[in-house]
N, C-alpha and C. Protein backbone atom coordinates (compact mmCIF):
# COMPACT_ATOMS: atom_id res chain seq x y z
N UNK A 1 -117.92 -35.62 26.01
CA UNK A 1 -116.99 -35.31 27.07
C UNK A 1 -117.69 -34.38 28.05
N UNK A 2 -117.68 -34.76 29.32
CA UNK A 2 -118.32 -33.94 30.34
C UNK A 2 -117.36 -32.84 30.78
N UNK A 3 -117.90 -31.88 31.53
CA UNK A 3 -117.07 -30.77 31.98
C UNK A 3 -116.00 -31.22 32.97
N UNK A 4 -116.32 -32.22 33.79
CA UNK A 4 -115.30 -32.71 34.74
C UNK A 4 -114.18 -33.42 34.00
N UNK A 5 -114.54 -34.20 32.97
CA UNK A 5 -113.50 -34.86 32.18
C UNK A 5 -112.64 -33.82 31.46
N UNK A 6 -113.30 -32.80 30.92
CA UNK A 6 -112.57 -31.76 30.20
C UNK A 6 -111.62 -31.01 31.12
N UNK A 7 -112.07 -30.69 32.33
CA UNK A 7 -111.20 -29.97 33.26
C UNK A 7 -110.02 -30.84 33.70
N UNK A 8 -110.24 -32.15 33.85
CA UNK A 8 -109.13 -33.02 34.24
C UNK A 8 -108.12 -33.17 33.10
N UNK A 9 -108.62 -33.17 31.87
CA UNK A 9 -107.72 -33.26 30.72
C UNK A 9 -106.88 -31.99 30.62
N UNK A 10 -107.53 -30.85 30.81
CA UNK A 10 -106.81 -29.58 30.71
C UNK A 10 -105.85 -29.35 31.85
N UNK A 11 -106.13 -29.90 33.02
CA UNK A 11 -105.26 -29.67 34.16
C UNK A 11 -104.03 -30.57 34.18
N UNK A 12 -104.10 -31.69 33.45
CA UNK A 12 -102.95 -32.59 33.40
C UNK A 12 -101.82 -31.96 32.62
N UNK A 13 -100.59 -32.06 33.13
CA UNK A 13 -99.48 -31.52 32.37
C UNK A 13 -99.28 -32.33 31.09
N UNK A 14 -99.06 -31.62 29.99
CA UNK A 14 -98.89 -32.27 28.70
C UNK A 14 -97.46 -32.77 28.59
N UNK A 15 -97.30 -34.03 28.26
CA UNK A 15 -95.97 -34.60 28.11
C UNK A 15 -95.55 -34.48 26.65
N UNK A 16 -94.41 -33.87 26.44
CA UNK A 16 -93.89 -33.70 25.09
C UNK A 16 -93.24 -34.99 24.63
N UNK A 17 -93.47 -35.39 23.37
CA UNK A 17 -92.89 -36.66 22.90
C UNK A 17 -91.37 -36.71 23.01
N UNK A 18 -90.69 -35.62 22.68
CA UNK A 18 -89.23 -35.61 22.73
C UNK A 18 -88.74 -35.72 24.17
N UNK A 19 -89.41 -35.02 25.08
CA UNK A 19 -89.05 -35.09 26.49
C UNK A 19 -89.27 -36.50 27.04
N UNK A 20 -90.36 -37.13 26.63
CA UNK A 20 -90.63 -38.51 27.05
C UNK A 20 -89.55 -39.46 26.52
N UNK A 21 -89.10 -39.23 25.28
CA UNK A 21 -88.04 -40.06 24.70
C UNK A 21 -86.73 -39.89 25.48
N UNK A 22 -86.43 -38.66 25.87
CA UNK A 22 -85.20 -38.39 26.61
C UNK A 22 -85.25 -39.10 27.96
N UNK A 23 -86.38 -39.00 28.65
CA UNK A 23 -86.51 -39.66 29.95
C UNK A 23 -86.44 -41.18 29.80
N UNK A 24 -87.04 -41.70 28.74
CA UNK A 24 -86.97 -43.13 28.48
C UNK A 24 -85.53 -43.57 28.20
N UNK A 25 -84.79 -42.75 27.45
CA UNK A 25 -83.40 -43.09 27.13
C UNK A 25 -82.52 -43.06 28.37
N UNK A 26 -82.86 -42.22 29.35
CA UNK A 26 -82.11 -42.22 30.61
C UNK A 26 -82.27 -43.57 31.29
N UNK A 27 -83.51 -44.05 31.34
CA UNK A 27 -83.77 -45.36 31.97
C UNK A 27 -83.05 -46.47 31.22
N UNK A 28 -83.11 -46.42 29.88
CA UNK A 28 -82.44 -47.44 29.08
C UNK A 28 -80.93 -47.43 29.29
N UNK A 29 -80.35 -46.23 29.37
CA UNK A 29 -78.91 -46.12 29.57
C UNK A 29 -78.52 -46.64 30.95
N UNK A 30 -79.38 -46.41 31.96
CA UNK A 30 -79.11 -46.94 33.30
C UNK A 30 -79.14 -48.47 33.29
N UNK A 31 -80.15 -49.00 32.60
CA UNK A 31 -80.28 -50.47 32.55
C UNK A 31 -79.10 -51.11 31.84
N UNK A 32 -78.65 -50.47 30.75
CA UNK A 32 -77.56 -51.06 29.98
C UNK A 32 -76.19 -50.64 30.50
N UNK A 33 -76.18 -49.80 31.55
CA UNK A 33 -74.93 -49.33 32.17
C UNK A 33 -74.03 -48.61 31.18
N UNK A 34 -74.66 -47.85 30.27
CA UNK A 34 -73.94 -47.04 29.30
C UNK A 34 -73.71 -45.66 29.91
N UNK A 35 -72.58 -45.53 30.62
CA UNK A 35 -72.33 -44.30 31.38
C UNK A 35 -72.15 -43.08 30.48
N UNK A 36 -71.54 -43.26 29.32
CA UNK A 36 -71.33 -42.14 28.42
C UNK A 36 -72.66 -41.54 27.97
N UNK A 37 -73.55 -42.39 27.47
CA UNK A 37 -74.86 -41.91 27.02
C UNK A 37 -75.66 -41.38 28.19
N UNK A 38 -75.58 -42.04 29.33
CA UNK A 38 -76.33 -41.61 30.50
C UNK A 38 -75.94 -40.20 30.91
N UNK A 39 -74.65 -39.91 30.94
CA UNK A 39 -74.18 -38.57 31.32
C UNK A 39 -74.66 -37.50 30.34
N UNK A 40 -74.61 -37.82 29.05
CA UNK A 40 -75.04 -36.85 28.04
C UNK A 40 -76.53 -36.58 28.15
N UNK A 41 -77.33 -37.63 28.28
CA UNK A 41 -78.78 -37.47 28.31
C UNK A 41 -79.22 -36.81 29.62
N UNK A 42 -78.56 -37.15 30.71
CA UNK A 42 -78.88 -36.48 31.98
C UNK A 42 -78.54 -35.00 31.91
N UNK A 43 -77.43 -34.68 31.29
CA UNK A 43 -77.05 -33.28 31.11
C UNK A 43 -78.06 -32.53 30.26
N UNK A 44 -78.56 -33.20 29.23
CA UNK A 44 -79.58 -32.61 28.37
C UNK A 44 -80.87 -32.36 29.15
N UNK A 45 -81.28 -33.33 29.94
CA UNK A 45 -82.48 -33.16 30.77
C UNK A 45 -82.28 -32.03 31.77
N UNK A 46 -81.07 -31.91 32.29
CA UNK A 46 -80.75 -30.82 33.21
C UNK A 46 -80.88 -29.47 32.50
N UNK A 47 -80.39 -29.38 31.27
CA UNK A 47 -80.51 -28.14 30.49
C UNK A 47 -81.98 -27.77 30.27
N UNK A 48 -82.80 -28.77 29.97
CA UNK A 48 -84.23 -28.53 29.73
C UNK A 48 -84.90 -28.06 31.02
N UNK A 49 -84.58 -28.72 32.13
CA UNK A 49 -85.16 -28.34 33.42
C UNK A 49 -84.74 -26.93 33.80
N UNK A 50 -83.47 -26.62 33.60
CA UNK A 50 -82.97 -25.29 33.91
C UNK A 50 -83.69 -24.23 33.08
N UNK A 51 -83.89 -24.53 31.80
CA UNK A 51 -84.57 -23.58 30.91
C UNK A 51 -86.01 -23.36 31.35
N UNK A 52 -86.65 -24.41 31.84
CA UNK A 52 -88.04 -24.26 32.25
C UNK A 52 -88.16 -23.49 33.57
N UNK A 53 -87.16 -23.60 34.43
CA UNK A 53 -87.22 -22.91 35.72
C UNK A 53 -86.71 -21.49 35.65
N UNK A 54 -85.86 -21.19 34.69
CA UNK A 54 -85.28 -19.85 34.62
C UNK A 54 -85.82 -19.07 33.43
N UNK A 55 -87.08 -19.30 33.09
CA UNK A 55 -87.68 -18.59 31.97
C UNK A 55 -87.78 -17.11 32.31
N UNK A 56 -87.16 -16.29 31.49
CA UNK A 56 -87.24 -14.85 31.66
C UNK A 56 -87.63 -14.22 30.34
N UNK A 57 -87.32 -12.99 30.16
CA UNK A 57 -87.76 -12.30 28.93
C UNK A 57 -87.09 -12.86 27.67
N UNK A 58 -85.88 -13.41 27.80
CA UNK A 58 -85.20 -13.92 26.61
C UNK A 58 -85.50 -15.40 26.38
N UNK A 59 -85.71 -16.14 27.42
CA UNK A 59 -86.00 -17.57 27.28
C UNK A 59 -87.48 -17.81 27.57
N UNK A 60 -88.04 -18.78 26.89
CA UNK A 60 -89.40 -19.17 27.18
C UNK A 60 -89.39 -20.58 27.74
N UNK A 61 -90.45 -20.92 28.43
CA UNK A 61 -90.56 -22.26 28.98
C UNK A 61 -90.66 -23.24 27.81
N UNK A 62 -89.84 -24.31 27.82
CA UNK A 62 -89.92 -25.27 26.72
C UNK A 62 -91.29 -25.95 26.70
N UNK A 63 -92.16 -25.51 25.79
CA UNK A 63 -93.51 -26.04 25.76
C UNK A 63 -93.77 -26.88 24.52
N UNK A 64 -92.82 -26.91 23.61
CA UNK A 64 -92.97 -27.72 22.40
C UNK A 64 -91.67 -28.46 22.14
N UNK A 65 -91.76 -29.44 21.25
CA UNK A 65 -90.55 -30.16 20.86
C UNK A 65 -89.56 -29.24 20.17
N UNK A 66 -90.05 -28.22 19.48
CA UNK A 66 -89.15 -27.28 18.80
C UNK A 66 -88.32 -26.51 19.83
N UNK A 67 -88.94 -26.15 20.97
CA UNK A 67 -88.19 -25.47 22.03
C UNK A 67 -87.09 -26.38 22.58
N UNK A 68 -87.42 -27.64 22.75
CA UNK A 68 -86.43 -28.60 23.25
C UNK A 68 -85.32 -28.79 22.21
N UNK A 69 -85.68 -28.80 20.94
CA UNK A 69 -84.67 -28.92 19.88
C UNK A 69 -83.71 -27.74 19.90
N UNK A 70 -84.23 -26.56 20.23
CA UNK A 70 -83.37 -25.39 20.34
C UNK A 70 -82.34 -25.58 21.46
N UNK A 71 -82.78 -26.14 22.57
CA UNK A 71 -81.88 -26.42 23.69
C UNK A 71 -80.84 -27.46 23.26
N UNK A 72 -81.27 -28.46 22.53
CA UNK A 72 -80.35 -29.50 22.04
C UNK A 72 -79.33 -28.88 21.09
N UNK A 73 -79.78 -27.98 20.22
CA UNK A 73 -78.86 -27.34 19.28
C UNK A 73 -77.83 -26.49 20.01
N UNK A 74 -78.24 -25.85 21.11
CA UNK A 74 -77.26 -25.09 21.91
C UNK A 74 -76.21 -26.03 22.49
N UNK A 75 -76.66 -27.20 22.98
CA UNK A 75 -75.72 -28.18 23.54
C UNK A 75 -74.78 -28.69 22.45
N UNK A 76 -75.31 -28.90 21.25
CA UNK A 76 -74.47 -29.36 20.14
C UNK A 76 -73.45 -28.28 19.79
N UNK A 77 -73.88 -27.02 19.79
CA UNK A 77 -72.96 -25.93 19.48
C UNK A 77 -71.82 -25.87 20.50
N UNK A 78 -72.16 -26.06 21.78
CA UNK A 78 -71.10 -26.08 22.81
C UNK A 78 -70.12 -27.22 22.56
N UNK A 79 -70.63 -28.39 22.20
CA UNK A 79 -69.75 -29.53 21.92
C UNK A 79 -68.86 -29.24 20.72
N UNK A 80 -69.45 -28.63 19.68
CA UNK A 80 -68.67 -28.33 18.48
C UNK A 80 -67.55 -27.35 18.78
N UNK A 81 -67.84 -26.34 19.60
CA UNK A 81 -66.80 -25.38 19.99
C UNK A 81 -65.70 -26.07 20.79
N UNK A 82 -66.09 -26.98 21.66
CA UNK A 82 -65.08 -27.73 22.43
C UNK A 82 -64.21 -28.58 21.53
N UNK A 83 -64.85 -29.23 20.55
CA UNK A 83 -64.09 -30.06 19.60
C UNK A 83 -63.06 -29.19 18.88
N UNK A 84 -63.49 -28.01 18.42
CA UNK A 84 -62.57 -27.11 17.72
C UNK A 84 -61.39 -26.71 18.61
N UNK A 85 -61.68 -26.37 19.87
CA UNK A 85 -60.62 -25.96 20.79
C UNK A 85 -59.69 -27.12 21.12
N UNK A 86 -60.25 -28.31 21.35
CA UNK A 86 -59.40 -29.47 21.67
C UNK A 86 -58.55 -29.86 20.46
N UNK A 87 -59.12 -29.76 19.28
CA UNK A 87 -58.35 -30.09 18.08
C UNK A 87 -57.21 -29.10 17.88
N UNK A 88 -57.48 -27.83 18.13
CA UNK A 88 -56.43 -26.81 18.00
C UNK A 88 -55.32 -27.02 19.02
N UNK A 89 -55.68 -27.56 20.19
CA UNK A 89 -54.68 -27.82 21.23
C UNK A 89 -54.05 -29.20 21.10
N UNK A 90 -54.41 -29.92 20.03
CA UNK A 90 -53.87 -31.25 19.77
C UNK A 90 -54.27 -32.28 20.83
N UNK A 91 -55.47 -32.14 21.38
CA UNK A 91 -55.99 -33.09 22.37
C UNK A 91 -57.05 -33.96 21.71
N UNK A 92 -56.62 -34.91 20.89
CA UNK A 92 -57.55 -35.73 20.14
C UNK A 92 -58.40 -36.62 21.03
N UNK A 93 -57.88 -37.00 22.21
CA UNK A 93 -58.65 -37.84 23.12
C UNK A 93 -59.90 -37.10 23.62
N UNK A 94 -59.72 -35.84 24.01
CA UNK A 94 -60.86 -35.05 24.49
C UNK A 94 -61.79 -34.68 23.33
N UNK A 95 -61.22 -34.41 22.17
CA UNK A 95 -62.03 -34.07 21.00
C UNK A 95 -62.91 -35.25 20.59
N UNK A 96 -62.37 -36.46 20.66
CA UNK A 96 -63.17 -37.63 20.28
C UNK A 96 -64.28 -37.90 21.30
N UNK A 97 -64.02 -37.62 22.58
CA UNK A 97 -65.07 -37.78 23.59
C UNK A 97 -66.21 -36.78 23.33
N UNK A 98 -65.85 -35.55 23.01
CA UNK A 98 -66.87 -34.54 22.70
C UNK A 98 -67.63 -34.91 21.43
N UNK A 99 -66.93 -35.49 20.45
CA UNK A 99 -67.57 -35.90 19.20
C UNK A 99 -68.61 -36.98 19.47
N UNK A 100 -68.28 -37.92 20.36
CA UNK A 100 -69.22 -38.97 20.73
C UNK A 100 -70.47 -38.37 21.37
N UNK A 101 -70.28 -37.40 22.27
CA UNK A 101 -71.41 -36.74 22.90
C UNK A 101 -72.25 -36.00 21.87
N UNK A 102 -71.58 -35.34 20.93
CA UNK A 102 -72.28 -34.61 19.89
C UNK A 102 -73.15 -35.55 19.06
N UNK A 103 -72.64 -36.72 18.73
CA UNK A 103 -73.40 -37.69 17.94
C UNK A 103 -74.62 -38.19 18.71
N UNK A 104 -74.49 -38.37 20.02
CA UNK A 104 -75.62 -38.79 20.84
C UNK A 104 -76.70 -37.71 20.82
N UNK A 105 -76.29 -36.45 20.97
CA UNK A 105 -77.25 -35.35 20.97
C UNK A 105 -77.96 -35.22 19.62
N UNK A 106 -77.25 -35.46 18.54
CA UNK A 106 -77.85 -35.33 17.22
C UNK A 106 -78.95 -36.34 16.97
N UNK A 107 -78.97 -37.44 17.70
CA UNK A 107 -80.03 -38.43 17.51
C UNK A 107 -81.39 -37.89 17.95
N UNK A 108 -81.41 -36.84 18.76
CA UNK A 108 -82.67 -36.29 19.25
C UNK A 108 -83.24 -35.21 18.32
N UNK A 109 -82.48 -34.78 17.36
CA UNK A 109 -82.96 -33.76 16.43
C UNK A 109 -83.66 -34.43 15.24
N UNK A 110 -84.67 -33.75 14.68
CA UNK A 110 -85.28 -34.29 13.46
C UNK A 110 -84.28 -34.19 12.32
N UNK A 111 -84.53 -34.89 11.22
CA UNK A 111 -83.61 -34.81 10.08
C UNK A 111 -83.43 -33.36 9.64
N UNK A 112 -82.17 -32.97 9.46
CA UNK A 112 -81.85 -31.60 9.10
C UNK A 112 -82.09 -31.36 7.61
N UNK A 113 -82.51 -30.15 7.28
CA UNK A 113 -82.69 -29.78 5.88
C UNK A 113 -81.32 -29.65 5.22
N UNK A 114 -81.26 -30.03 3.96
CA UNK A 114 -79.99 -29.89 3.23
C UNK A 114 -79.81 -28.43 2.84
N UNK A 115 -78.58 -28.07 2.47
CA UNK A 115 -78.31 -26.70 2.04
C UNK A 115 -79.13 -26.36 0.81
N UNK A 116 -79.37 -27.34 -0.06
CA UNK A 116 -80.16 -27.10 -1.27
C UNK A 116 -81.62 -26.78 -0.92
N UNK A 117 -82.18 -27.50 0.05
CA UNK A 117 -83.56 -27.23 0.46
C UNK A 117 -83.68 -25.84 1.11
N UNK A 118 -82.70 -25.49 1.92
CA UNK A 118 -82.70 -24.16 2.53
C UNK A 118 -82.57 -23.10 1.43
N UNK A 119 -81.67 -23.35 0.49
CA UNK A 119 -81.45 -22.39 -0.60
C UNK A 119 -82.71 -22.19 -1.43
N UNK A 120 -83.44 -23.27 -1.72
CA UNK A 120 -84.68 -23.15 -2.49
C UNK A 120 -85.69 -22.27 -1.77
N UNK A 121 -85.85 -22.47 -0.46
CA UNK A 121 -86.79 -21.67 0.33
C UNK A 121 -86.34 -20.21 0.37
N UNK A 122 -85.06 -19.98 0.55
CA UNK A 122 -84.53 -18.62 0.62
C UNK A 122 -84.73 -17.90 -0.72
N UNK A 123 -84.55 -18.61 -1.83
CA UNK A 123 -84.74 -18.00 -3.15
C UNK A 123 -86.18 -17.53 -3.33
N UNK A 124 -87.14 -18.33 -2.82
CA UNK A 124 -88.55 -17.93 -2.89
C UNK A 124 -88.76 -16.64 -2.12
N UNK A 125 -88.18 -16.57 -0.92
CA UNK A 125 -88.34 -15.39 -0.08
C UNK A 125 -87.65 -14.18 -0.72
N UNK A 126 -86.47 -14.39 -1.30
CA UNK A 126 -85.74 -13.30 -1.95
C UNK A 126 -86.58 -12.68 -3.07
N UNK A 127 -87.24 -13.52 -3.85
CA UNK A 127 -88.04 -12.99 -4.96
C UNK A 127 -89.29 -12.29 -4.44
N UNK A 128 -89.90 -12.80 -3.37
CA UNK A 128 -91.11 -12.16 -2.85
C UNK A 128 -90.80 -10.84 -2.13
N UNK A 129 -89.66 -10.77 -1.46
CA UNK A 129 -89.28 -9.55 -0.73
C UNK A 129 -88.64 -8.53 -1.67
N UNK A 130 -88.00 -9.01 -2.72
CA UNK A 130 -87.32 -8.12 -3.64
C UNK A 130 -85.96 -7.70 -3.12
N UNK A 131 -85.32 -8.56 -2.35
CA UNK A 131 -84.01 -8.25 -1.77
C UNK A 131 -82.94 -8.35 -2.84
N UNK A 132 -81.97 -7.42 -2.76
CA UNK A 132 -80.92 -7.42 -3.78
C UNK A 132 -79.52 -7.29 -3.19
N UNK A 133 -79.40 -6.85 -1.93
CA UNK A 133 -78.06 -6.69 -1.36
C UNK A 133 -78.06 -7.21 0.08
N UNK A 134 -76.87 -7.28 0.64
CA UNK A 134 -76.70 -7.78 2.00
C UNK A 134 -77.43 -6.89 3.01
N UNK A 135 -77.71 -5.66 2.63
CA UNK A 135 -78.44 -4.75 3.51
C UNK A 135 -79.86 -5.25 3.79
N UNK A 136 -80.37 -6.10 2.92
CA UNK A 136 -81.73 -6.63 3.07
C UNK A 136 -81.76 -7.91 3.90
N UNK A 137 -80.65 -8.27 4.50
CA UNK A 137 -80.54 -9.52 5.25
C UNK A 137 -81.62 -9.63 6.34
N UNK A 138 -81.82 -8.57 7.11
CA UNK A 138 -82.80 -8.60 8.19
C UNK A 138 -84.21 -8.86 7.70
N UNK A 139 -84.60 -8.18 6.61
CA UNK A 139 -85.94 -8.39 6.05
C UNK A 139 -86.12 -9.82 5.58
N UNK A 140 -85.11 -10.36 4.93
CA UNK A 140 -85.19 -11.73 4.42
C UNK A 140 -85.29 -12.73 5.57
N UNK A 141 -84.46 -12.53 6.60
CA UNK A 141 -84.46 -13.47 7.73
C UNK A 141 -85.82 -13.48 8.44
N UNK A 142 -86.50 -12.32 8.50
CA UNK A 142 -87.82 -12.26 9.12
C UNK A 142 -88.84 -13.08 8.34
N UNK A 143 -88.68 -13.11 7.03
CA UNK A 143 -89.67 -13.76 6.18
C UNK A 143 -89.42 -15.26 5.98
N UNK A 144 -88.21 -15.73 6.22
CA UNK A 144 -87.90 -17.16 6.05
C UNK A 144 -88.57 -17.91 7.20
N UNK A 145 -89.48 -18.79 6.85
CA UNK A 145 -90.26 -19.51 7.85
C UNK A 145 -89.91 -21.00 7.84
N UNK A 146 -88.66 -21.31 8.13
CA UNK A 146 -88.23 -22.70 8.23
C UNK A 146 -88.21 -23.11 9.69
N UNK A 147 -88.50 -24.37 9.94
CA UNK A 147 -88.50 -24.90 11.30
C UNK A 147 -87.08 -24.81 11.88
N UNK A 148 -86.91 -24.07 12.99
CA UNK A 148 -85.55 -23.91 13.54
C UNK A 148 -84.92 -25.22 14.03
N UNK A 149 -85.74 -26.23 14.28
CA UNK A 149 -85.17 -27.51 14.70
C UNK A 149 -84.59 -28.28 13.52
N UNK A 150 -85.03 -27.95 12.30
CA UNK A 150 -84.53 -28.64 11.12
C UNK A 150 -83.51 -27.82 10.35
N UNK A 151 -83.51 -26.49 10.58
CA UNK A 151 -82.56 -25.61 9.90
C UNK A 151 -82.20 -24.48 10.85
N UNK A 152 -81.06 -24.58 11.53
CA UNK A 152 -80.66 -23.53 12.47
C UNK A 152 -80.53 -22.17 11.76
N UNK A 153 -80.84 -21.13 12.50
CA UNK A 153 -80.80 -19.76 11.96
C UNK A 153 -79.43 -19.42 11.37
N UNK A 154 -78.38 -19.94 11.97
CA UNK A 154 -77.03 -19.64 11.48
C UNK A 154 -76.84 -20.16 10.06
N UNK A 155 -77.31 -21.39 9.81
CA UNK A 155 -77.18 -21.96 8.46
C UNK A 155 -78.02 -21.18 7.46
N UNK A 156 -79.23 -20.78 7.88
CA UNK A 156 -80.09 -19.99 7.00
C UNK A 156 -79.41 -18.67 6.67
N UNK A 157 -78.86 -18.03 7.70
CA UNK A 157 -78.18 -16.75 7.52
C UNK A 157 -77.01 -16.87 6.55
N UNK A 158 -76.25 -17.94 6.66
CA UNK A 158 -75.11 -18.15 5.76
C UNK A 158 -75.57 -18.28 4.31
N UNK A 159 -76.68 -19.01 4.10
CA UNK A 159 -77.21 -19.18 2.75
C UNK A 159 -77.71 -17.84 2.20
N UNK A 160 -78.41 -17.07 3.04
CA UNK A 160 -78.92 -15.76 2.60
C UNK A 160 -77.76 -14.85 2.22
N UNK A 161 -76.73 -14.80 3.06
CA UNK A 161 -75.56 -13.95 2.77
C UNK A 161 -74.90 -14.36 1.47
N UNK A 162 -74.78 -15.67 1.26
CA UNK A 162 -74.13 -16.17 0.04
C UNK A 162 -74.95 -15.79 -1.20
N UNK A 163 -76.27 -15.89 -1.11
CA UNK A 163 -77.11 -15.56 -2.25
C UNK A 163 -77.20 -14.06 -2.52
N UNK A 164 -77.08 -13.25 -1.46
CA UNK A 164 -77.19 -11.80 -1.64
C UNK A 164 -75.87 -11.16 -2.07
N UNK A 165 -74.77 -11.84 -1.85
CA UNK A 165 -73.49 -11.20 -2.20
C UNK A 165 -73.05 -11.57 -3.61
């Protein structure tokens, strides 16, 4: 590889596989005239673009698929909260629409770890850290090194709390 080839490789923006899949799905949804999926995927792309343009001290530019998965999980959380609110208000029509959107978003996440797999990893960390009470939650959470795209921090935290109490 020559230096000119190397510089051209380094200067090209790296396309993330998940981002490429999302853009491809937008085209597919347009071709198939699937307005529901198109709106969801366009909204997701908008969230990713917004995150990349408004990177500040709390947000980082989405540079990996894991960063994009975090954005997807936030969108899923918003949908879940909407479903809960619509269900409480007895609006099943709106809740089912949100559920459909949630299912579309979940197709972009890698397979999620089961509670048993999370629990096994947490038990290893508990024994290595020597945690015995809920007061040790922060130390345990720092040491648990699970992929956030496969196991959201909230689920990990729930498992840790359950095991420590």
